[in-house]
Every structure is written in structure tokens, then in C-alpha cells.
């Protein structure tokens, strides 16, 4: 419950990003603000301050003011880090959750079909999963991202532009299908031999009825447990891809792109990279704890075994 409360607070904060931008930051989170100024203690100061290190060349963005405007400071473009972090969190959460739904749905279909029908169907689907499994997940995601992010993707009447966040959603949702489908397949193989399924088969139930009435209700709790866990993993994957500039594309932002923006400022303005990293870590931990709680709620035997 504590993890759920933390997760809800993070979601509400990210949803309030436009309000924070308009009434607190009072600056566009996606527009360069190299000539911008801010007022502190009644004095007007530039957002990008002249460097005082070495020969004094270049500029440094202001650090955290811990007040209303530029609460976490500015990045190298003079943009408010707090506002960008809230907007970036929206994209990170949307990509993580949506790709997790796609992954769990595809994995559920593949795992149930392969486990129930077996024989040639299981062999074909299992070998297809093995091919995906053989690739390191980040290497496969990077390869797909490099190919698709730099070009448009046409699926029937739908055309996805290179900057669309739908592309990383599809890429991340697909690469993790084997990791969810294989345990579901194993569970279905076990269910297929259970007495209540054999009784339904003996009563002449059709395959579709068996899948809908006997197999799916027993597999669905497992899929539900995987959902928050995969959301956390997918958010981390999205951040890694965006950090490498092959995930969310400008002018959009995510926690990964903001961390990438802060790499060059680690020694002068570390909060630019640290703040979204902390938010990402807190969200991932909350999602994992939520997944454990959902598992305990849906499977009392697992909680009993843990107590023993």
C-alpha cells in the first residue's frame, strides 16, 4: 500500500506538469532559454552564469534555487530542470506502462497457445521465442531503435514518424515478450494436466471454451503480477535507450533524455542528472514492491511459503 501511495503521488506530480510550468516555473520547459533571467532576493540574474573556473570561458547554468522558479536549477539550454523532469516523467510512465501492457498481452497469447496446443504449434512458437531470447535484450532494443527511430514505419494505413513515442513503446514491448511468455507457457503446460481441465475435455468442451473458462482465469493472475514488474523494467530500458539518444526524440523528453542532458554538467550542476535518476529509482522500487504485493494478494500460498 505504501508503494501504491508513492506511485500515485509520482503520477499526480507528473500530471500536474503544465500547472507547474505555467504558475511556478513560468518558463517553457522545451524552449531554449539561454538569454533568460530570474529574480532572487530582489535581484535579477542571468540563467546562464559566466564561468569562474580556469580561464573563465563559457557559461554555467544556475544551480538549484530551492525556491519556486528553477527549484532544481537549469540545464545547459537554460530550461527549468524541475519542469522538464515532470514532463519527462509523463513520457517515461506512459512508455513503461503501455509497453508493459503490449508485452503482457502478446506474451499471454503466445504462452497460452503454445502451452495448450503443444506439438508443432508449441515447437514453432518456442523456437521463435528462443530466437528473441538469444539476443541480449539491450542489444536487440538498440538495433531495432537505430533502424526504426531514424526512419518512418508504415503499418497498413498508419504511418509512425521517427519522433513518435509509439516506436519505443513497440520496440520495448516486443523485446521482453520471451521473458514473460516462457513462464506462462510452463504454467499452461501444468494446468493442461490438471483434473478439472481433463474433466472438461472428457465432457466434450471445445478448445475455445477450455481456454476461456479454464485456462485463462488461472493464468490471468500471473499476467497481472507481471504488469507492474514489467512496467519498472520497461521504464529502465526506455531510460537507457533515451540516454543513448535512440529512445524518446527531441523536443519530447523523458527521464533518460534529461539524464543525458546532465552528463556534461556532472561536475558543475550534478542535480540535472541526479534528480531524474532518483525519480526513476523511486518509481522502479515502488513498482517492484507493488508487484510483490499483488502477487501476495492473488496467491495466498506464496505468502504462506514466504512465512514458512
C-alpha atoms as a PDB file:
ATOM      1  CA  UNK A   1       0.000   0.000   0.000  1.00  0.00           C
ATOM      2  CA  UNK A   2       2.877   2.359   0.755  1.00  0.00           C
ATOM      3  CA  UNK A   3       4.367   1.656  -2.670  1.00  0.00           C
ATOM      4  CA  UNK A   4       0.976   2.293  -4.278  1.00  0.00           C
ATOM      5  CA  UNK A   5       0.685   5.650  -2.474  1.00  0.00           C
ATOM      6  CA  UNK A   6       4.188   6.661  -3.617  1.00  0.00           C
ATOM      7  CA  UNK A   7       3.389   5.642  -7.181  1.00  0.00           C
ATOM      8  CA  UNK A   8       0.119   7.611  -7.177  1.00  0.00           C
ATOM      9  CA  UNK A   9       1.924  10.703  -5.853  1.00  0.00           C
ATOM     10  CA  UNK A  10       4.521  10.456  -8.623  1.00  0.00           C
ATOM     11  CA  UNK A  11       1.801  10.090 -11.264  1.00  0.00           C
ATOM     12  CA  UNK A  12      -0.110  13.092  -9.879  1.00  0.00           C
ATOM     13  CA  UNK A  13       3.060  15.191  -9.836  1.00  0.00           C
ATOM     14  CA  UNK A  14       3.762  14.349 -13.473  1.00  0.00           C
ATOM     15  CA  UNK A  15       0.162  15.053 -14.491  1.00  0.00           C
ATOM     16  CA  UNK A  16       0.485  18.478 -12.851  1.00  0.00           C
ATOM     17  CA  UNK A  17       3.489  19.359 -15.057  1.00  0.00           C
ATOM     18  CA  UNK A  18       1.594  22.005 -17.136  1.00  0.00           C
ATOM     19  CA  UNK A  19       0.399  23.702 -13.941  1.00  0.00           C
ATOM     20  CA  UNK A  20       3.936  23.778 -12.552  1.00  0.00           C
ATOM     21  CA  UNK A  21       5.266  25.146 -15.839  1.00  0.00           C
ATOM     22  CA  UNK A  22       2.687  27.947 -16.063  1.00  0.00           C
ATOM     23  CA  UNK A  23       2.329  29.034 -12.443  1.00  0.00           C
ATOM     24  CA  UNK A  24       5.600  28.088 -10.731  1.00  0.00           C
ATOM     25  CA  UNK A  25       8.431  27.806 -13.248  1.00  0.00           C
ATOM     26  CA  UNK A  26       6.886  30.460 -15.523  1.00  0.00           C
ATOM     27  CA  UNK A  27       9.077  29.354 -18.403  1.00  0.00           C
ATOM     28  CA  UNK A  28       8.698  26.945 -21.326  1.00  0.00           C
ATOM     29  CA  UNK A  29      10.256  23.600 -20.437  1.00  0.00           C
ATOM     30  CA  UNK A  30      11.028  22.783 -24.077  1.00  0.00           C
ATOM     31  CA  UNK A  31      12.286  26.121 -25.432  1.00  0.00           C
ATOM     32  CA  UNK A  32      15.918  27.237 -25.207  1.00  0.00           C
ATOM     33  CA  UNK A  33      16.297  29.990 -22.609  1.00  0.00           C
ATOM     34  CA  UNK A  34      19.965  30.939 -22.933  1.00  0.00           C
ATOM     35  CA  UNK A  35      19.205  34.652 -22.512  1.00  0.00           C
ATOM     36  CA  UNK A  36      16.675  34.179 -19.725  1.00  0.00           C
ATOM     37  CA  UNK A  37      16.803  35.768 -16.294  1.00  0.00           C
ATOM     38  CA  UNK A  38      15.336  35.045 -12.888  1.00  0.00           C
ATOM     39  CA  UNK A  39      14.773  37.089  -9.743  1.00  0.00           C
ATOM     40  CA  UNK A  40      16.214  36.049  -6.395  1.00  0.00           C
ATOM     41  CA  UNK A  41      16.269  38.245  -3.273  1.00  0.00           C
ATOM     42  CA  UNK A  42      15.024  41.133  -5.373  1.00  0.00           C
ATOM     43  CA  UNK A  43      17.938  40.888  -7.816  1.00  0.00           C
ATOM     44  CA  UNK A  44      17.710  39.900 -11.476  1.00  0.00           C
ATOM     45  CA  UNK A  45      20.341  37.379 -12.532  1.00  0.00           C
ATOM     46  CA  UNK A  46      21.009  35.525 -15.782  1.00  0.00           C
ATOM     47  CA  UNK A  47      20.026  31.877 -16.008  1.00  0.00           C
ATOM     48  CA  UNK A  48      23.365  31.026 -17.619  1.00  0.00           C
ATOM     49  CA  UNK A  49      26.124  32.484 -15.458  1.00  0.00           C
ATOM     50  CA  UNK A  50      29.619  33.232 -16.685  1.00  0.00           C
ATOM     51  CA  UNK A  51      32.096  30.505 -15.770  1.00  0.00           C
ATOM     52  CA  UNK A  52      34.523  31.306 -12.951  1.00  0.00           C
ATOM     53  CA  UNK A  53      36.738  28.263 -13.491  1.00  0.00           C
ATOM     54  CA  UNK A  54      40.015  28.178 -15.414  1.00  0.00           C
ATOM     55  CA  UNK A  55      40.159  30.950 -17.987  1.00  0.00           C
ATOM     56  CA  UNK A  56      36.583  31.910 -17.270  1.00  0.00           C
ATOM     57  CA  UNK A  57      35.381  30.802 -20.681  1.00  0.00           C
ATOM     58  CA  UNK A  58      31.848  29.605 -21.321  1.00  0.00           C
ATOM     59  CA  UNK A  59      28.827  29.645 -19.042  1.00  0.00           C
ATOM     60  CA  UNK A  60      27.290  27.509 -16.319  1.00  0.00           C
ATOM     61  CA  UNK A  61      23.548  27.156 -15.747  1.00  0.00           C
ATOM     62  CA  UNK A  62      22.306  28.242 -12.358  1.00  0.00           C
ATOM     63  CA  UNK A  63      22.135  25.632  -9.643  1.00  0.00           C
ATOM     64  CA  UNK A  64      19.093  24.737  -7.547  1.00  0.00           C
ATOM     65  CA  UNK A  65      17.416  27.769  -6.001  1.00  0.00           C
ATOM     66  CA  UNK A  66      15.241  25.561  -3.751  1.00  0.00           C
ATOM     67  CA  UNK A  67      12.512  28.149  -4.281  1.00  0.00           C
ATOM     68  CA  UNK A  68       9.624  28.425  -6.730  1.00  0.00           C
ATOM     69  CA  UNK A  69      11.446  29.179 -10.003  1.00  0.00           C
ATOM     70  CA  UNK A  70      14.337  26.921 -11.054  1.00  0.00           C
ATOM     71  CA  UNK A  71      13.807  24.761  -7.983  1.00  0.00           C
ATOM     72  CA  UNK A  72      16.363  22.206  -9.275  1.00  0.00           C
ATOM     73  CA  UNK A  73      18.307  24.700 -11.363  1.00  0.00           C
ATOM     74  CA  UNK A  74      18.624  24.909 -15.146  1.00  0.00           C
ATOM     75  CA  UNK A  75      20.222  22.746 -17.828  1.00  0.00           C
ATOM     76  CA  UNK A  76      22.740  23.847 -20.439  1.00  0.00           C
ATOM     77  CA  UNK A  77      19.921  25.397 -22.501  1.00  0.00           C
ATOM     78  CA  UNK A  78      18.608  27.446 -19.576  1.00  0.00           C
ATOM     79  CA  UNK A  79      15.459  25.321 -19.206  1.00  0.00           C
ATOM     80  CA  UNK A  80      13.890  24.626 -15.818  1.00  0.00           C
ATOM     81  CA  UNK A  81      15.027  21.147 -14.732  1.00  0.00           C
ATOM     82  CA  UNK A  82      12.054  20.550 -12.406  1.00  0.00           C
ATOM     83  CA  UNK A  83       9.524  21.349 -15.135  1.00  0.00           C
ATOM     84  CA  UNK A  84      11.332  19.140 -17.640  1.00  0.00           C
ATOM     85  CA  UNK A  85      11.562  16.321 -15.093  1.00  0.00           C
ATOM     86  CA  UNK A  86       7.795  16.376 -14.539  1.00  0.00           C
ATOM     87  CA  UNK A  87       7.081  16.400 -18.286  1.00  0.00           C
ATOM     88  CA  UNK A  88       9.704  13.705 -18.840  1.00  0.00           C
ATOM     89  CA  UNK A  89       8.107  11.564 -16.153  1.00  0.00           C
ATOM     90  CA  UNK A  90       4.853  11.591 -18.090  1.00  0.00           C
ATOM     91  CA  UNK A  91       6.560  10.090 -21.149  1.00  0.00           C
ATOM     92  CA  UNK A  92       8.554   7.591 -19.070  1.00  0.00           C
ATOM     93  CA  UNK A  93       5.427   6.388 -17.264  1.00  0.00           C
ATOM     94  CA  UNK A  94       3.350   6.211 -20.462  1.00  0.00           C
ATOM     95  CA  UNK A  95       6.042   4.295 -22.338  1.00  0.00           C
ATOM     96  CA  UNK A  96       6.720   1.942 -19.420  1.00  0.00           C
ATOM     97  CA  UNK A  97       3.072   1.133 -18.701  1.00  0.00           C
ATOM     98  CA  UNK A  98       1.888   0.917 -22.325  1.00  0.00           C
ATOM     99  CA  UNK A  99       4.795  -1.253 -23.437  1.00  0.00           C
ATOM    100  CA  UNK A 100       4.195  -3.485 -20.389  1.00  0.00           C
ATOM    101  CA  UNK A 101       0.559  -3.962 -21.449  1.00  0.00           C
ATOM    102  CA  UNK A 102       1.632  -4.819 -25.010  1.00  0.00           C
ATOM    103  CA  UNK A 103       4.297  -7.200 -23.708  1.00  0.00           C
ATOM    104  CA  UNK A 104       1.959  -8.980 -21.274  1.00  0.00           C
ATOM    105  CA  UNK A 105      -0.857  -9.307 -23.831  1.00  0.00           C
ATOM    106  CA  UNK A 106       1.428 -10.703 -26.551  1.00  0.00           C
ATOM    107  CA  UNK A 107       3.245 -12.948 -24.081  1.00  0.00           C
ATOM    108  CA  UNK A 108      -0.064 -14.184 -22.659  1.00  0.00           C
ATOM    109  CA  UNK A 109      -1.380 -15.093 -26.108  1.00  0.00           C
ATOM    110  CA  UNK A 110       1.840 -16.803 -27.185  1.00  0.00           C
ATOM    111  CA  UNK A 111       2.334 -18.626 -23.881  1.00  0.00           C
ATOM    112  CA  UNK A 112      -1.259 -19.877 -23.666  1.00  0.00           C
ATOM    113  CA  UNK A 113      -1.408 -21.024 -27.296  1.00  0.00           C
ATOM    114  CA  UNK A 114       1.999 -22.725 -27.153  1.00  0.00           C
ATOM    115  CA  UNK A 115       1.334 -24.428 -23.817  1.00  0.00           C
ATOM    116  CA  UNK A 116      -2.200 -25.571 -24.592  1.00  0.00           C
ATOM    117  CA  UNK A 117      -1.890 -26.837 -28.142  1.00  0.00           C
ATOM    118  CA  UNK A 118       1.669 -28.185 -27.853  1.00  0.00           C
ATOM    119  CA  UNK A 119       3.209 -30.322 -30.622  1.00  0.00           C
ATOM    120  CA  UNK A 120       4.020 -28.361 -33.806  1.00  0.00           C
ATOM    121  CA  UNK A 121       2.410 -25.147 -32.562  1.00  0.00           C
ATOM    122  CA  UNK A 122       4.498 -25.216 -29.396  1.00  0.00           C
ATOM    123  CA  UNK A 123       7.661 -26.042 -31.356  1.00  0.00           C
ATOM    124  CA  UNK A 124       7.247 -23.140 -33.782  1.00  0.00           C
ATOM    125  CA  UNK A 125       6.358 -20.581 -31.112  1.00  0.00           C
ATOM    126  CA  UNK A 126       9.058 -21.808 -28.729  1.00  0.00           C
ATOM    127  CA  UNK A 127      11.744 -21.558 -31.411  1.00  0.00           C
ATOM    128  CA  UNK A 128      10.572 -18.033 -32.259  1.00  0.00           C
ATOM    129  CA  UNK A 129      10.872 -17.106 -28.577  1.00  0.00           C
ATOM    130  CA  UNK A 130      14.323 -18.726 -28.465  1.00  0.00           C
ATOM    131  CA  UNK A 131      15.471 -16.531 -31.347  1.00  0.00           C
ATOM    132  CA  UNK A 132      14.407 -13.396 -29.460  1.00  0.00           C
ATOM    133  CA  UNK A 133      15.822 -14.805 -26.226  1.00  0.00           C
ATOM    134  CA  UNK A 134      19.215 -15.404 -27.883  1.00  0.00           C
ATOM    135  CA  UNK A 135      19.789 -11.669 -28.361  1.00  0.00           C
ATOM    136  CA  UNK A 136      20.873  -9.605 -25.346  1.00  0.00           C
ATOM    137  CA  UNK A 137      17.781  -7.519 -24.663  1.00  0.00           C
ATOM    138  CA  UNK A 138      19.517  -4.145 -24.745  1.00  0.00           C
ATOM    139  CA  UNK A 139      21.450  -5.024 -27.905  1.00  0.00           C
ATOM    140  CA  UNK A 140      18.226  -6.095 -29.641  1.00  0.00           C
ATOM    141  CA  UNK A 141      16.418  -2.942 -28.459  1.00  0.00           C
ATOM    142  CA  UNK A 142      19.306  -0.751 -29.627  1.00  0.00           C
ATOM    143  CA  UNK A 143      19.384  -2.430 -33.053  1.00  0.00           C
ATOM    144  CA  UNK A 144      15.628  -2.011 -33.533  1.00  0.00           C
ATOM    145  CA  UNK A 145      15.770   1.573 -32.289  1.00  0.00           C
ATOM    146  CA  UNK A 146      18.600   2.558 -34.618  1.00  0.00           C
ATOM    147  CA  UNK A 147      16.714   1.122 -37.592  1.00  0.00           C
ATOM    148  CA  UNK A 148      13.240   2.471 -36.752  1.00  0.00           C
ATOM    149  CA  UNK A 149      13.924   5.735 -34.910  1.00  0.00           C
ATOM    150  CA  UNK A 150      15.774   7.188 -37.901  1.00  0.00           C
ATOM    151  CA  UNK A 151      13.018   6.311 -40.377  1.00  0.00           C
ATOM    152  CA  UNK A 152       9.252   6.184 -40.604  1.00  0.00           C
ATOM    153  CA  UNK A 153       7.337   2.957 -40.031  1.00  0.00           C
ATOM    154  CA  UNK A 154       4.206   2.213 -42.032  1.00  0.00           C
ATOM    155  CA  UNK A 155       1.756  -0.398 -40.749  1.00  0.00           C
ATOM    156  CA  UNK A 156      -1.193  -0.550 -43.141  1.00  0.00           C
ATOM    157  CA  UNK A 157      -2.902   2.853 -43.165  1.00  0.00           C
ATOM    158  CA  UNK A 158      -0.908   4.020 -40.112  1.00  0.00           C
ATOM    159  CA  UNK A 159       2.429   5.798 -40.506  1.00  0.00           C
ATOM    160  CA  UNK A 160       4.626   6.369 -37.454  1.00  0.00           C
ATOM    161  CA  UNK A 161       7.087   9.225 -37.744  1.00  0.00           C
ATOM    162  CA  UNK A 162      10.633   8.856 -36.456  1.00  0.00           C
ATOM    163  CA  UNK A 163       9.961  11.091 -33.436  1.00  0.00           C
ATOM    164  CA  UNK A 164       6.810   9.292 -32.278  1.00  0.00           C
ATOM    165  CA  UNK A 165       6.934   7.762 -28.786  1.00  0.00           C
ATOM    166  CA  UNK A 166       4.900   4.859 -30.169  1.00  0.00           C
ATOM    167  CA  UNK A 167       8.110   3.462 -31.704  1.00  0.00           C
ATOM    168  CA  UNK A 168       9.952   2.953 -28.376  1.00  0.00           C
ATOM    169  CA  UNK A 169       6.705   1.597 -26.919  1.00  0.00           C
ATOM    170  CA  UNK A 170       6.512  -1.079 -29.638  1.00  0.00           C
ATOM    171  CA  UNK A 171      10.227  -1.865 -29.508  1.00  0.00           C
ATOM    172  CA  UNK A 172      10.354  -2.305 -25.732  1.00  0.00           C
ATOM    173  CA  UNK A 173       7.042  -4.166 -25.665  1.00  0.00           C
ATOM    174  CA  UNK A 174       8.285  -6.733 -28.178  1.00  0.00           C
ATOM    175  CA  UNK A 175      11.814  -7.429 -26.914  1.00  0.00           C
ATOM    176  CA  UNK A 176      10.584  -8.589 -23.495  1.00  0.00           C
ATOM    177  CA  UNK A 177       7.863 -10.945 -24.764  1.00  0.00           C
ATOM    178  CA  UNK A 178      10.002 -14.123 -24.309  1.00  0.00           C
ATOM    179  CA  UNK A 179      10.738 -13.245 -20.676  1.00  0.00           C
ATOM    180  CA  UNK A 180       7.012 -13.277 -19.849  1.00  0.00           C
ATOM    181  CA  UNK A 181       5.764 -15.860 -22.349  1.00  0.00           C
ATOM    182  CA  UNK A 182       8.004 -18.713 -21.190  1.00  0.00           C
ATOM    183  CA  UNK A 183       6.784 -18.856 -17.553  1.00  0.00           C
ATOM    184  CA  UNK A 184       3.184 -18.519 -18.766  1.00  0.00           C
ATOM    185  CA  UNK A 185       3.738 -21.393 -21.198  1.00  0.00           C
ATOM    186  CA  UNK A 186       5.110 -23.513 -18.356  1.00  0.00           C
ATOM    187  CA  UNK A 187       2.093 -22.745 -16.194  1.00  0.00           C
ATOM    188  CA  UNK A 188      -0.297 -23.679 -19.012  1.00  0.00           C
ATOM    189  CA  UNK A 189       1.546 -26.973 -19.563  1.00  0.00           C
ATOM    190  CA  UNK A 190       0.942 -27.754 -15.900  1.00  0.00           C
ATOM    191  CA  UNK A 191      -2.710 -26.659 -15.995  1.00  0.00           C
ATOM    192  CA  UNK A 192      -3.406 -28.780 -19.059  1.00  0.00           C
ATOM    193  CA  UNK A 193      -2.771 -31.913 -16.999  1.00  0.00           C
ATOM    194  CA  UNK A 194      -4.913 -30.862 -14.028  1.00  0.00           C
ATOM    195  CA  UNK A 195      -8.040 -32.818 -13.149  1.00  0.00           C
ATOM    196  CA  UNK A 196     -10.555 -30.037 -13.788  1.00  0.00           C
ATOM    197  CA  UNK A 197      -9.181 -29.467 -17.305  1.00  0.00           C
ATOM    198  CA  UNK A 198      -9.188 -33.194 -18.054  1.00  0.00           C
ATOM    199  CA  UNK A 199     -12.772 -33.372 -16.769  1.00  0.00           C
ATOM    200  CA  UNK A 200     -13.792 -30.555 -19.097  1.00  0.00           C
ATOM    201  CA  UNK A 201     -12.098 -32.330 -22.000  1.00  0.00           C
ATOM    202  CA  UNK A 202     -13.910 -35.542 -21.108  1.00  0.00           C
ATOM    203  CA  UNK A 203     -17.197 -33.632 -21.048  1.00  0.00           C
ATOM    204  CA  UNK A 204     -16.569 -32.586 -24.667  1.00  0.00           C
ATOM    205  CA  UNK A 205     -15.751 -28.911 -24.112  1.00  0.00           C
ATOM    206  CA  UNK A 206     -14.338 -27.170 -27.179  1.00  0.00           C
ATOM    207  CA  UNK A 207     -10.819 -25.730 -27.172  1.00  0.00           C
ATOM    208  CA  UNK A 208     -12.068 -22.143 -27.190  1.00  0.00           C
ATOM    209  CA  UNK A 209     -14.305 -22.788 -24.198  1.00  0.00           C
ATOM    210  CA  UNK A 210     -11.483 -24.512 -22.339  1.00  0.00           C
ATOM    211  CA  UNK A 211      -9.141 -21.609 -22.970  1.00  0.00           C
ATOM    212  CA  UNK A 212     -11.726 -19.029 -21.935  1.00  0.00           C
ATOM    213  CA  UNK A 213     -13.266 -20.810 -18.923  1.00  0.00           C
ATOM    214  CA  UNK A 214     -10.467 -22.970 -17.510  1.00  0.00           C
ATOM    215  CA  UNK A 215      -7.021 -21.838 -18.656  1.00  0.00           C
ATOM    216  CA  UNK A 216      -7.270 -18.031 -18.872  1.00  0.00           C
ATOM    217  CA  UNK A 217      -8.769 -17.436 -15.377  1.00  0.00           C
ATOM    218  CA  UNK A 218      -5.896 -19.408 -13.845  1.00  0.00           C
ATOM    219  CA  UNK A 219      -3.213 -17.659 -15.896  1.00  0.00           C
ATOM    220  CA  UNK A 220      -4.604 -14.137 -15.573  1.00  0.00           C
ATOM    221  CA  UNK A 221      -3.279 -13.552 -12.002  1.00  0.00           C
ATOM    222  CA  UNK A 222       0.235 -14.319 -13.222  1.00  0.00           C
ATOM    223  CA  UNK A 223      -0.127 -11.835 -16.079  1.00  0.00           C
ATOM    224  CA  UNK A 224      -1.438  -9.193 -13.660  1.00  0.00           C
ATOM    225  CA  UNK A 225       1.566  -9.735 -11.376  1.00  0.00           C
ATOM    226  CA  UNK A 226       3.930  -9.327 -14.314  1.00  0.00           C
ATOM    227  CA  UNK A 227       2.364  -5.982 -15.311  1.00  0.00           C
ATOM    228  CA  UNK A 228       3.906  -3.705 -12.618  1.00  0.00           C
ATOM    229  CA  UNK A 229       7.177  -5.628 -12.710  1.00  0.00           C
ATOM    230  CA  UNK A 230       7.481  -5.226 -16.486  1.00  0.00           C
ATOM    231  CA  UNK A 231       6.490  -1.560 -16.208  1.00  0.00           C
ATOM    232  CA  UNK A 232       9.529  -0.962 -13.975  1.00  0.00           C
ATOM    233  CA  UNK A 233      11.840  -2.916 -16.278  1.00  0.00           C
ATOM    234  CA  UNK A 234      10.486  -1.161 -19.380  1.00  0.00           C
ATOM    235  CA  UNK A 235      10.961   2.264 -17.802  1.00  0.00           C
ATOM    236  CA  UNK A 236      14.596   1.416 -17.101  1.00  0.00           C
ATOM    237  CA  UNK A 237      15.025   0.172 -20.666  1.00  0.00           C
ATOM    238  CA  UNK A 238      13.417   3.321 -22.087  1.00  0.00           C
ATOM    239  CA  UNK A 239      15.725   5.475 -19.978  1.00  0.00           C
ATOM    240  CA  UNK A 240      18.751   3.540 -21.228  1.00  0.00           C
ATOM    241  CA  UNK A 241      17.672   3.958 -24.862  1.00  0.00           C
ATOM    242  CA  UNK A 242      16.869   7.654 -24.374  1.00  0.00           C
ATOM    243  CA  UNK A 243      20.224   8.141 -22.635  1.00  0.00           C
ATOM    244  CA  UNK A 244      21.816   6.807 -25.830  1.00  0.00           C
ATOM    245  CA  UNK A 245      19.642   9.213 -27.903  1.00  0.00           C
ATOM    246  CA  UNK A 246      17.744   6.374 -29.586  1.00  0.00           C
ATOM    247  CA  UNK A 247      14.634   6.444 -27.422  1.00  0.00           C
ATOM    248  CA  UNK A 248      12.428   9.497 -26.929  1.00  0.00           C
ATOM    249  CA  UNK A 249      13.411  12.110 -29.502  1.00  0.00           C
ATOM    250  CA  UNK A 250      13.525  15.916 -29.071  1.00  0.00           C
ATOM    251  CA  UNK A 251      11.552  18.047 -28.496  1.00  0.00           C
ATOM    252  CA  UNK A 252       9.942  15.410 -26.241  1.00  0.00           C
ATOM    253  CA  UNK A 253      11.708  14.499 -23.036  1.00  0.00           C
ATOM    254  CA  UNK A 254      11.914  11.562 -20.653  1.00  0.00           C
ATOM    255  CA  UNK A 255      13.938  10.868 -17.543  1.00  0.00           C
ATOM    256  CA  UNK A 256      16.551   9.179 -19.734  1.00  0.00           C
ATOM    257  CA  UNK A 257      16.975  12.188 -22.042  1.00  0.00           C
ATOM    258  CA  UNK A 258      17.271  14.554 -19.060  1.00  0.00           C
ATOM    259  CA  UNK A 259      19.970  12.345 -17.523  1.00  0.00           C
ATOM    260  CA  UNK A 260      21.757  12.505 -20.882  1.00  0.00           C
ATOM    261  CA  UNK A 261      21.477  16.318 -20.837  1.00  0.00           C
ATOM    262  CA  UNK A 262      23.089  16.369 -17.397  1.00  0.00           C
ATOM    263  CA  UNK A 263      26.109  14.195 -18.228  1.00  0.00           C
ATOM    264  CA  UNK A 264      28.173  17.204 -19.300  1.00  0.00           C
ATOM    265  CA  UNK A 265      27.186  19.053 -16.120  1.00  0.00           C
ATOM    266  CA  UNK A 266      28.020  16.350 -13.566  1.00  0.00           C
ATOM    267  CA  UNK A 267      30.917  18.315 -12.076  1.00  0.00           C
ATOM    268  CA  UNK A 268      29.180  21.697 -12.023  1.00  0.00           C
ATOM    269  CA  UNK A 269      25.423  21.079 -11.839  1.00  0.00           C
ATOM    270  CA  UNK A 270      25.005  17.391 -10.885  1.00  0.00           C
ATOM    271  CA  UNK A 271      21.346  17.847  -9.913  1.00  0.00           C
ATOM    272  CA  UNK A 272      20.385  17.923 -13.610  1.00  0.00           C
ATOM    273  CA  UNK A 273      21.248  14.210 -13.887  1.00  0.00           C
ATOM    274  CA  UNK A 274      20.731  13.154 -10.264  1.00  0.00           C
ATOM    275  CA  UNK A 275      17.109  14.366  -9.896  1.00  0.00           C
ATOM    276  CA  UNK A 276      15.585  12.293 -12.762  1.00  0.00           C
ATOM    277  CA  UNK A 277      17.776   9.361 -11.728  1.00  0.00           C
ATOM    278  CA  UNK A 278      16.342   9.479  -8.200  1.00  0.00           C
ATOM    279  CA  UNK A 279      12.795   9.702  -9.562  1.00  0.00           C
ATOM    280  CA  UNK A 280      13.434   6.727 -11.829  1.00  0.00           C
ATOM    281  CA  UNK A 281      14.857   4.668  -8.958  1.00  0.00           C
ATOM    282  CA  UNK A 282      11.970   5.520  -6.604  1.00  0.00           C
ATOM    283  CA  UNK A 283       9.383   4.671  -9.279  1.00  0.00           C
ATOM    284  CA  UNK A 284      11.083   1.366 -10.141  1.00  0.00           C
ATOM    285  CA  UNK A 285      11.266   0.345  -6.470  1.00  0.00           C
ATOM    286  CA  UNK A 286       7.620   1.301  -5.901  1.00  0.00           C
ATOM    287  CA  UNK A 287       6.517  -0.739  -8.925  1.00  0.00           C
ATOM    288  CA  UNK A 288       8.511  -3.785  -7.806  1.00  0.00           C
ATOM    289  CA  UNK A 289       7.078  -3.596  -4.281  1.00  0.00           C
ATOM    290  CA  UNK A 290       3.611  -3.179  -5.775  1.00  0.00           C
ATOM    291  CA  UNK A 291       4.171  -6.264  -7.923  1.00  0.00           C
ATOM    292  CA  UNK A 292       5.181  -8.274  -4.845  1.00  0.00           C
ATOM    293  CA  UNK A 293       2.067  -7.061  -3.039  1.00  0.00           C
ATOM    294  CA  UNK A 294      -0.174  -8.001  -5.946  1.00  0.00           C
ATOM    295  CA  UNK A 295       1.426 -11.451  -6.071  1.00  0.00           C
ATOM    296  CA  UNK A 296       0.785 -12.000  -2.362  1.00  0.00           C
ATOM    297  CA  UNK A 297      -2.809 -10.804  -2.733  1.00  0.00           C
ATOM    298  CA  UNK A 298      -3.548 -13.060  -5.708  1.00  0.00           C
ATOM    299  CA  UNK A 299      -1.592 -16.074  -4.446  1.00  0.00           C
ATOM    300  CA  UNK A 300      -2.010 -16.576  -0.677  1.00  0.00           C
ATOM    301  CA  UNK A 301       0.061 -19.775  -0.927  1.00  0.00           C
ATOM    302  CA  UNK A 302       3.116 -17.741  -1.985  1.00  0.00           C
ATOM    303  CA  UNK A 303       2.746 -15.546   1.100  1.00  0.00           C
ATOM    304  CA  UNK A 304       2.365 -18.653   3.273  1.00  0.00           C
ATOM    305  CA  UNK A 305       5.511 -20.207   1.793  1.00  0.00           C
ATOM    306  CA  UNK A 306       7.392 -16.955   2.427  1.00  0.00           C
ATOM    307  CA  UNK A 307       6.320 -17.004   6.071  1.00  0.00           C
ATOM    308  CA  UNK A 308       7.442 -20.595   6.468  1.00  0.00           C
END
